[in-house]
């Protein structure tokens, strides 16, 4: 009897394991067939157009390895006076959108962003980092050509005749402006801008038109300053020295009360 009972127990255990293995085999997930991933087509940004600098073709990609100390986040720059010293004091800049500018080369830079786009900008005088000295609001984007100015494009040297009463007492030029500029104000980019105070301004000539001086607010004072194109402009300043009122074109004469 004992042997019969032992045989029955062994058979029962074998049946249990047999059913368990069968059940496990049924619920085990099937192995997914292997698949070779299909690579996506590479998407590249459109290449930036090449640049003509004083007749020499420059590819934006070639600027990547050009040495410079003017480096900031996302961009590198080079002083145009060093890239093309033959340009002189002025240059003719054309853009891919059809822009056409005659501008000063003084403190001008050629900058390349990491995405390959090119712009012409200007630095404030002095030495330091690109991010500290660059004037962000004064940029010509997407430049495709930087050329010497032609006689037709070149403007006559800027000058402002200063008249007191009915007598012209002096003429201010780009070369004599710095010595005559005794005040400064902050432009819209918060950069210090030298200027000449015009106390008792009566009128001025702008783009060939004589304009009667009309302060845009009580206490506003007039100054004349020189922009980056080395042309003279008139600005009205409030008590804090902030420019106010409408902008005017180039100023060629100012008349002060005697």
C-alpha atoms as a PDB file:
ATOM      1  CA  UNK A   1       0.000   0.000   0.000  1.00  0.00           C
ATOM      2  CA  UNK A   2       2.794   2.402   0.870  1.00  0.00           C
ATOM      3  CA  UNK A   3       4.486   1.767  -2.477  1.00  0.00           C
ATOM      4  CA  UNK A   4       1.183   2.379  -4.303  1.00  0.00           C
ATOM      5  CA  UNK A   5       0.649   5.668  -2.473  1.00  0.00           C
ATOM      6  CA  UNK A   6       4.190   6.818  -3.306  1.00  0.00           C
ATOM      7  CA  UNK A   7       3.660   6.025  -6.974  1.00  0.00           C
ATOM      8  CA  UNK A   8       0.400   8.031  -6.995  1.00  0.00           C
ATOM      9  CA  UNK A   9       2.171  11.064  -5.402  1.00  0.00           C
ATOM     10  CA  UNK A  10       5.014  10.987  -7.935  1.00  0.00           C
ATOM     11  CA  UNK A  11       2.542  10.788 -10.840  1.00  0.00           C
ATOM     12  CA  UNK A  12       0.515  13.728  -9.447  1.00  0.00           C
ATOM     13  CA  UNK A  13       3.581  15.941  -9.093  1.00  0.00           C
ATOM     14  CA  UNK A  14       4.659  15.134 -12.638  1.00  0.00           C
ATOM     15  CA  UNK A  15       1.205  16.087 -13.951  1.00  0.00           C
ATOM     16  CA  UNK A  16       1.331  19.440 -12.093  1.00  0.00           C
ATOM     17  CA  UNK A  17       4.705  20.382 -13.591  1.00  0.00           C
ATOM     18  CA  UNK A  18       3.621  19.212 -16.977  1.00  0.00           C
ATOM     19  CA  UNK A  19       0.515  21.461 -16.923  1.00  0.00           C
ATOM     20  CA  UNK A  20       2.542  24.399 -15.474  1.00  0.00           C
ATOM     21  CA  UNK A  21       5.095  24.145 -18.256  1.00  0.00           C
ATOM     22  CA  UNK A  22       2.309  23.926 -20.795  1.00  0.00           C
ATOM     23  CA  UNK A  23       0.603  26.993 -19.376  1.00  0.00           C
ATOM     24  CA  UNK A  24       3.873  28.986 -19.373  1.00  0.00           C
ATOM     25  CA  UNK A  25       4.492  27.997 -22.938  1.00  0.00           C
ATOM     26  CA  UNK A  26       1.051  29.261 -23.922  1.00  0.00           C
ATOM     27  CA  UNK A  27       1.306  32.714 -22.274  1.00  0.00           C
ATOM     28  CA  UNK A  28       4.917  33.455 -23.246  1.00  0.00           C
ATOM     29  CA  UNK A  29       4.973  36.388 -25.707  1.00  0.00           C
ATOM     30  CA  UNK A  30       6.103  35.765 -29.201  1.00  0.00           C
ATOM     31  CA  UNK A  31       9.467  37.239 -30.176  1.00  0.00           C
ATOM     32  CA  UNK A  32       8.982  40.216 -32.493  1.00  0.00           C
ATOM     33  CA  UNK A  33      10.719  39.860 -35.824  1.00  0.00           C
ATOM     34  CA  UNK A  34      13.858  41.965 -36.115  1.00  0.00           C
ATOM     35  CA  UNK A  35      13.651  45.040 -38.315  1.00  0.00           C
ATOM     36  CA  UNK A  36      16.441  47.154 -39.760  1.00  0.00           C
ATOM     37  CA  UNK A  37      15.708  50.847 -39.075  1.00  0.00           C
ATOM     38  CA  UNK A  38      15.423  53.006 -42.183  1.00  0.00           C
ATOM     39  CA  UNK A  39      17.515  56.172 -41.760  1.00  0.00           C
ATOM     40  CA  UNK A  40      15.747  59.510 -42.331  1.00  0.00           C
ATOM     41  CA  UNK A  41      17.067  61.755 -45.073  1.00  0.00           C
ATOM     42  CA  UNK A  42      19.395  64.416 -43.683  1.00  0.00           C
ATOM     43  CA  UNK A  43      17.830  67.885 -43.582  1.00  0.00           C
ATOM     44  CA  UNK A  44      20.360  70.656 -44.027  1.00  0.00           C
ATOM     45  CA  UNK A  45      19.868  74.390 -43.697  1.00  0.00           C
ATOM     46  CA  UNK A  46      20.101  76.347 -46.941  1.00  0.00           C
ATOM     47  CA  UNK A  47      23.619  77.515 -47.617  1.00  0.00           C
ATOM     48  CA  UNK A  48      24.290  81.197 -46.980  1.00  0.00           C
ATOM     49  CA  UNK A  49      25.199  83.106 -50.136  1.00  0.00           C
ATOM     50  CA  UNK A  50      28.853  83.884 -50.751  1.00  0.00           C
ATOM     51  CA  UNK A  51      30.099  87.384 -50.075  1.00  0.00           C
ATOM     52  CA  UNK A  52      32.020  89.774 -52.310  1.00  0.00           C
ATOM     53  CA  UNK A  53      34.512  91.769 -50.228  1.00  0.00           C
ATOM     54  CA  UNK A  54      36.290  94.412 -52.295  1.00  0.00           C
ATOM     55  CA  UNK A  55      36.211  92.123 -55.343  1.00  0.00           C
ATOM     56  CA  UNK A  56      37.334  88.956 -53.524  1.00  0.00           C
ATOM     57  CA  UNK A  57      34.836  86.110 -53.158  1.00  0.00           C
ATOM     58  CA  UNK A  58      34.420  84.920 -49.557  1.00  0.00           C
ATOM     59  CA  UNK A  59      32.406  81.828 -48.648  1.00  0.00           C
ATOM     60  CA  UNK A  60      30.744  82.119 -45.204  1.00  0.00           C
ATOM     61  CA  UNK A  61      31.944  78.592 -44.339  1.00  0.00           C
ATOM     62  CA  UNK A  62      35.547  79.689 -44.937  1.00  0.00           C
ATOM     63  CA  UNK A  63      35.255  82.249 -42.149  1.00  0.00           C
ATOM     64  CA  UNK A  64      34.824  79.494 -39.552  1.00  0.00           C
ATOM     65  CA  UNK A  65      38.569  78.850 -39.381  1.00  0.00           C
ATOM     66  CA  UNK A  66      39.664  82.466 -39.738  1.00  0.00           C
ATOM     67  CA  UNK A  67      41.324  83.724 -36.563  1.00  0.00           C
ATOM     68  CA  UNK A  68      39.677  86.519 -34.612  1.00  0.00           C
ATOM     69  CA  UNK A  69      39.499  87.887 -31.092  1.00  0.00           C
ATOM     70  CA  UNK A  70      35.936  89.157 -31.606  1.00  0.00           C
ATOM     71  CA  UNK A  71      33.880  86.217 -30.368  1.00  0.00           C
ATOM     72  CA  UNK A  72      30.468  86.117 -28.698  1.00  0.00           C
ATOM     73  CA  UNK A  73      27.744  83.525 -28.158  1.00  0.00           C
ATOM     74  CA  UNK A  74      26.592  82.281 -31.540  1.00  0.00           C
ATOM     75  CA  UNK A  75      28.782  84.536 -33.684  1.00  0.00           C
ATOM     76  CA  UNK A  76      32.321  85.619 -34.612  1.00  0.00           C
ATOM     77  CA  UNK A  77      33.418  88.893 -36.209  1.00  0.00           C
ATOM     78  CA  UNK A  78      36.319  90.582 -37.987  1.00  0.00           C
ATOM     79  CA  UNK A  79      37.110  94.274 -38.393  1.00  0.00           C
ATOM     80  CA  UNK A  80      36.424  95.335 -41.972  1.00  0.00           C
ATOM     81  CA  UNK A  81      39.414  97.698 -41.923  1.00  0.00           C
ATOM     82  CA  UNK A  82      41.614  94.613 -41.462  1.00  0.00           C
ATOM     83  CA  UNK A  83      39.757  92.434 -43.982  1.00  0.00           C
ATOM     84  CA  UNK A  84      39.783  95.075 -46.726  1.00  0.00           C
ATOM     85  CA  UNK A  85      41.961  98.099 -45.889  1.00  0.00           C
ATOM     86  CA  UNK A  86      41.634  99.309 -49.488  1.00  0.00           C
ATOM     87  CA  UNK A  87      38.026 100.350 -48.840  1.00  0.00           C
ATOM     88  CA  UNK A  88      39.114 103.564 -47.121  1.00  0.00           C
ATOM     89  CA  UNK A  89      36.710 105.622 -45.005  1.00  0.00           C
ATOM     90  CA  UNK A  90      33.494 104.540 -46.763  1.00  0.00           C
ATOM     91  CA  UNK A  91      32.066 101.348 -48.223  1.00  0.00           C
ATOM     92  CA  UNK A  92      29.150 100.379 -50.403  1.00  0.00           C
ATOM     93  CA  UNK A  93      27.111  97.504 -48.878  1.00  0.00           C
ATOM     94  CA  UNK A  94      24.471  95.507 -50.788  1.00  0.00           C
ATOM     95  CA  UNK A  95      22.142  92.889 -49.269  1.00  0.00           C
ATOM     96  CA  UNK A  96      20.292  89.844 -50.585  1.00  0.00           C
ATOM     97  CA  UNK A  97      16.985  91.725 -50.106  1.00  0.00           C
ATOM     98  CA  UNK A  98      18.072  94.525 -52.436  1.00  0.00           C
ATOM     99  CA  UNK A  99      19.322  96.931 -49.773  1.00  0.00           C
ATOM    100  CA  UNK A 100      21.962  99.396 -50.938  1.00  0.00           C
ATOM    101  CA  UNK A 101      23.937 101.474 -48.432  1.00  0.00           C
ATOM    102  CA  UNK A 102      26.917 103.842 -48.399  1.00  0.00           C
ATOM    103  CA  UNK A 103      28.299 103.712 -44.856  1.00  0.00           C
ATOM    104  CA  UNK A 104      31.402 104.444 -42.828  1.00  0.00           C
ATOM    105  CA  UNK A 105      34.080 101.808 -42.341  1.00  0.00           C
ATOM    106  CA  UNK A 106      35.096 103.320 -38.983  1.00  0.00           C
ATOM    107  CA  UNK A 107      34.746 100.597 -36.300  1.00  0.00           C
ATOM    108  CA  UNK A 108      32.785  98.459 -38.811  1.00  0.00           C
ATOM    109  CA  UNK A 109      32.802  94.669 -38.498  1.00  0.00           C
ATOM    110  CA  UNK A 110      31.804  91.705 -40.624  1.00  0.00           C
ATOM    111  CA  UNK A 111      30.086  89.075 -38.461  1.00  0.00           C
ATOM    112  CA  UNK A 112      29.138  85.449 -39.122  1.00  0.00           C
ATOM    113  CA  UNK A 113      26.552  83.677 -36.998  1.00  0.00           C
ATOM    114  CA  UNK A 114      26.803  79.946 -36.315  1.00  0.00           C
ATOM    115  CA  UNK A 115      23.966  79.333 -38.805  1.00  0.00           C
ATOM    116  CA  UNK A 116      26.079  80.874 -41.566  1.00  0.00           C
ATOM    117  CA  UNK A 117      24.231  84.189 -41.924  1.00  0.00           C
ATOM    118  CA  UNK A 118      26.324  87.302 -42.436  1.00  0.00           C
ATOM    119  CA  UNK A 119      25.818  90.891 -41.298  1.00  0.00           C
ATOM    120  CA  UNK A 120      27.752  94.153 -41.179  1.00  0.00           C
ATOM    121  CA  UNK A 121      27.812  95.869 -37.805  1.00  0.00           C
ATOM    122  CA  UNK A 122      29.647  98.529 -35.829  1.00  0.00           C
ATOM    123  CA  UNK A 123      31.620  98.577 -32.599  1.00  0.00           C
ATOM    124  CA  UNK A 124      31.828 101.332 -30.056  1.00  0.00           C
ATOM    125  CA  UNK A 125      35.335 102.809 -29.750  1.00  0.00           C
ATOM    126  CA  UNK A 126      37.619 101.003 -27.343  1.00  0.00           C
ATOM    127  CA  UNK A 127      38.868  97.492 -26.654  1.00  0.00           C
ATOM    128  CA  UNK A 128      36.909  94.655 -25.128  1.00  0.00           C
ATOM    129  CA  UNK A 129      34.601  91.755 -25.851  1.00  0.00           C
ATOM    130  CA  UNK A 130      32.356  91.695 -28.911  1.00  0.00           C
ATOM    131  CA  UNK A 131      29.215  91.368 -26.778  1.00  0.00           C
ATOM    132  CA  UNK A 132      30.186  94.461 -24.751  1.00  0.00           C
ATOM    133  CA  UNK A 133      31.180  96.797 -27.588  1.00  0.00           C
ATOM    134  CA  UNK A 134      28.905  95.871 -30.500  1.00  0.00           C
ATOM    135  CA  UNK A 135      25.979  98.166 -31.301  1.00  0.00           C
ATOM    136  CA  UNK A 136      23.161  95.587 -31.888  1.00  0.00           C
ATOM    137  CA  UNK A 137      20.715  98.094 -33.327  1.00  0.00           C
ATOM    138  CA  UNK A 138      23.144  99.154 -36.049  1.00  0.00           C
ATOM    139  CA  UNK A 139      23.357  96.135 -38.313  1.00  0.00           C
ATOM    140  CA  UNK A 140      22.966  95.530 -42.031  1.00  0.00           C
ATOM    141  CA  UNK A 141      21.665  91.969 -42.299  1.00  0.00           C
ATOM    142  CA  UNK A 142      22.316  89.459 -45.090  1.00  0.00           C
ATOM    143  CA  UNK A 143      25.158  91.371 -46.726  1.00  0.00           C
ATOM    144  CA  UNK A 144      26.279  89.905 -50.049  1.00  0.00           C
ATOM    145  CA  UNK A 145      28.724  92.584 -51.236  1.00  0.00           C
ATOM    146  CA  UNK A 146      31.051  95.100 -49.603  1.00  0.00           C
ATOM    147  CA  UNK A 147      32.652  97.327 -52.217  1.00  0.00           C
ATOM    148  CA  UNK A 148      34.523 100.617 -52.523  1.00  0.00           C
ATOM    149  CA  UNK A 149      32.204 103.541 -53.090  1.00  0.00           C
ATOM    150  CA  UNK A 150      31.955 104.850 -56.637  1.00  0.00           C
ATOM    151  CA  UNK A 151      32.031 108.587 -57.441  1.00  0.00           C
ATOM    152  CA  UNK A 152      28.286 108.458 -58.142  1.00  0.00           C
ATOM    153  CA  UNK A 153      27.495 106.807 -54.810  1.00  0.00           C
ATOM    154  CA  UNK A 154      29.940 108.837 -52.715  1.00  0.00           C
ATOM    155  CA  UNK A 155      28.345 111.681 -50.797  1.00  0.00           C
ATOM    156  CA  UNK A 156      29.960 115.079 -50.437  1.00  0.00           C
ATOM    157  CA  UNK A 157      31.714 115.490 -47.065  1.00  0.00           C
ATOM    158  CA  UNK A 158      29.244 116.436 -44.366  1.00  0.00           C
ATOM    159  CA  UNK A 159      29.369 119.963 -42.947  1.00  0.00           C
ATOM    160  CA  UNK A 160      27.166 122.156 -40.765  1.00  0.00           C
ATOM    161  CA  UNK A 161      27.253 125.924 -41.115  1.00  0.00           C
ATOM    162  CA  UNK A 162      26.722 127.671 -37.772  1.00  0.00           C
ATOM    163  CA  UNK A 163      24.999 131.046 -38.145  1.00  0.00           C
ATOM    164  CA  UNK A 164      24.538 133.506 -35.275  1.00  0.00           C
ATOM    165  CA  UNK A 165      21.978 136.141 -36.091  1.00  0.00           C
ATOM    166  CA  UNK A 166      22.695 136.626 -39.780  1.00  0.00           C
ATOM    167  CA  UNK A 167      26.437 135.946 -39.716  1.00  0.00           C
ATOM    168  CA  UNK A 168      28.069 132.572 -40.334  1.00  0.00           C
ATOM    169  CA  UNK A 169      30.631 132.141 -37.584  1.00  0.00           C
ATOM    170  CA  UNK A 170      32.057 128.708 -38.363  1.00  0.00           C
ATOM    171  CA  UNK A 171      31.585 125.422 -40.203  1.00  0.00           C
ATOM    172  CA  UNK A 172      31.680 122.067 -38.430  1.00  0.00           C
ATOM    173  CA  UNK A 173      32.977 119.089 -40.450  1.00  0.00           C
ATOM    174  CA  UNK A 174      33.501 115.416 -39.679  1.00  0.00           C
ATOM    175  CA  UNK A 175      37.130 116.203 -38.897  1.00  0.00           C
ATOM    176  CA  UNK A 176      36.397 119.097 -36.488  1.00  0.00           C
ATOM    177  CA  UNK A 177      33.277 117.644 -34.864  1.00  0.00           C
ATOM    178  CA  UNK A 178      35.031 115.757 -32.063  1.00  0.00           C
ATOM    179  CA  UNK A 179      36.733 118.907 -30.777  1.00  0.00           C
ATOM    180  CA  UNK A 180      33.464 120.875 -30.914  1.00  0.00           C
ATOM    181  CA  UNK A 181      31.298 118.219 -29.234  1.00  0.00           C
ATOM    182  CA  UNK A 182      31.193 119.188 -25.560  1.00  0.00           C
ATOM    183  CA  UNK A 183      28.099 117.261 -24.436  1.00  0.00           C
ATOM    184  CA  UNK A 184      26.898 113.668 -24.667  1.00  0.00           C
ATOM    185  CA  UNK A 185      23.532 111.944 -24.571  1.00  0.00           C
ATOM    186  CA  UNK A 186      22.317 108.342 -24.567  1.00  0.00           C
ATOM    187  CA  UNK A 187      20.946 107.104 -27.889  1.00  0.00           C
ATOM    188  CA  UNK A 188      18.183 104.482 -28.163  1.00  0.00           C
ATOM    189  CA  UNK A 189      20.764 101.741 -27.601  1.00  0.00           C
ATOM    190  CA  UNK A 190      22.016 103.500 -24.438  1.00  0.00           C
ATOM    191  CA  UNK A 191      25.338 104.278 -26.073  1.00  0.00           C
ATOM    192  CA  UNK A 192      27.023 107.593 -25.208  1.00  0.00           C
ATOM    193  CA  UNK A 193      26.750 109.885 -28.236  1.00  0.00           C
ATOM    194  CA  UNK A 194      28.882 113.069 -28.517  1.00  0.00           C
ATOM    195  CA  UNK A 195      26.979 116.195 -29.558  1.00  0.00           C
ATOM    196  CA  UNK A 196      27.165 119.978 -29.904  1.00  0.00           C
ATOM    197  CA  UNK A 197      24.682 121.940 -27.807  1.00  0.00           C
ATOM    198  CA  UNK A 198      22.583 124.417 -29.829  1.00  0.00           C
ATOM    199  CA  UNK A 199      21.568 127.032 -27.266  1.00  0.00           C
ATOM    200  CA  UNK A 200      18.929 129.502 -28.478  1.00  0.00           C
ATOM    201  CA  UNK A 201      18.258 127.614 -31.721  1.00  0.00           C
ATOM    202  CA  UNK A 202      16.088 129.650 -34.087  1.00  0.00           C
ATOM    203  CA  UNK A 203      16.006 127.465 -37.198  1.00  0.00           C
ATOM    204  CA  UNK A 204      17.900 124.818 -39.132  1.00  0.00           C
ATOM    205  CA  UNK A 205      18.176 123.475 -42.665  1.00  0.00           C
ATOM    206  CA  UNK A 206      17.418 119.791 -43.250  1.00  0.00           C
ATOM    207  CA  UNK A 207      17.438 118.189 -46.696  1.00  0.00           C
ATOM    208  CA  UNK A 208      17.468 121.652 -48.259  1.00  0.00           C
ATOM    209  CA  UNK A 209      14.415 122.845 -46.294  1.00  0.00           C
ATOM    210  CA  UNK A 210      14.511 125.641 -43.743  1.00  0.00           C
ATOM    211  CA  UNK A 211      12.727 124.554 -40.549  1.00  0.00           C
ATOM    212  CA  UNK A 212      11.733 126.825 -37.667  1.00  0.00           C
ATOM    213  CA  UNK A 213      12.904 125.396 -34.364  1.00  0.00           C
ATOM    214  CA  UNK A 214       9.944 124.097 -32.347  1.00  0.00           C
ATOM    215  CA  UNK A 215      10.834 122.214 -29.144  1.00  0.00           C
ATOM    216  CA  UNK A 216       8.613 119.098 -28.847  1.00  0.00           C
ATOM    217  CA  UNK A 217       8.221 119.680 -25.088  1.00  0.00           C
ATOM    218  CA  UNK A 218       8.814 122.524 -22.636  1.00  0.00           C
ATOM    219  CA  UNK A 219      12.460 122.697 -21.616  1.00  0.00           C
ATOM    220  CA  UNK A 220      13.688 120.509 -24.485  1.00  0.00           C
ATOM    221  CA  UNK A 221      17.141 121.449 -25.749  1.00  0.00           C
ATOM    222  CA  UNK A 222      18.597 120.960 -29.213  1.00  0.00           C
ATOM    223  CA  UNK A 223      21.880 119.273 -30.106  1.00  0.00           C
ATOM    224  CA  UNK A 224      23.544 118.264 -33.348  1.00  0.00           C
ATOM    225  CA  UNK A 225      25.354 114.929 -33.530  1.00  0.00           C
ATOM    226  CA  UNK A 226      27.122 112.792 -36.160  1.00  0.00           C
ATOM    227  CA  UNK A 227      25.738 109.371 -37.035  1.00  0.00           C
ATOM    228  CA  UNK A 228      27.740 106.309 -38.110  1.00  0.00           C
ATOM    229  CA  UNK A 229      27.488 107.434 -41.752  1.00  0.00           C
ATOM    230  CA  UNK A 230      29.286 110.618 -40.694  1.00  0.00           C
ATOM    231  CA  UNK A 231      26.251 112.771 -41.477  1.00  0.00           C
ATOM    232  CA  UNK A 232      24.978 115.455 -39.104  1.00  0.00           C
ATOM    233  CA  UNK A 233      21.589 115.095 -37.407  1.00  0.00           C
ATOM    234  CA  UNK A 234      19.582 117.227 -35.020  1.00  0.00           C
ATOM    235  CA  UNK A 235      18.006 115.842 -31.848  1.00  0.00           C
ATOM    236  CA  UNK A 236      15.846 117.289 -29.092  1.00  0.00           C
ATOM    237  CA  UNK A 237      16.647 116.126 -25.565  1.00  0.00           C
ATOM    238  CA  UNK A 238      14.415 116.208 -22.503  1.00  0.00           C
ATOM    239  CA  UNK A 239      15.629 117.149 -19.027  1.00  0.00           C
ATOM    240  CA  UNK A 240      17.105 113.657 -18.521  1.00  0.00           C
ATOM    241  CA  UNK A 241      19.049 113.834 -21.792  1.00  0.00           C
ATOM    242  CA  UNK A 242      16.782 111.370 -23.616  1.00  0.00           C
ATOM    243  CA  UNK A 243      16.012 112.079 -27.307  1.00  0.00           C
ATOM    244  CA  UNK A 244      12.378 113.048 -27.920  1.00  0.00           C
ATOM    245  CA  UNK A 245      10.307 114.182 -30.885  1.00  0.00           C
ATOM    246  CA  UNK A 246      10.440 113.279 -34.560  1.00  0.00           C
ATOM    247  CA  UNK A 247      13.623 112.428 -36.427  1.00  0.00           C
ATOM    248  CA  UNK A 248      14.939 114.768 -39.092  1.00  0.00           C
ATOM    249  CA  UNK A 249      17.121 114.255 -42.148  1.00  0.00           C
ATOM    250  CA  UNK A 250      20.658 115.520 -42.542  1.00  0.00           C
ATOM    251  CA  UNK A 251      21.275 118.981 -41.107  1.00  0.00           C
ATOM    252  CA  UNK A 252      23.475 121.382 -43.076  1.00  0.00           C
ATOM    253  CA  UNK A 253      22.903 124.684 -41.255  1.00  0.00           C
ATOM    254  CA  UNK A 254      21.814 125.853 -37.822  1.00  0.00           C
ATOM    255  CA  UNK A 255      20.879 129.425 -36.918  1.00  0.00           C
ATOM    256  CA  UNK A 256      21.176 130.647 -33.352  1.00  0.00           C
ATOM    257  CA  UNK A 257      19.808 133.817 -31.778  1.00  0.00           C
ATOM    258  CA  UNK A 258      22.396 136.538 -31.292  1.00  0.00           C
END
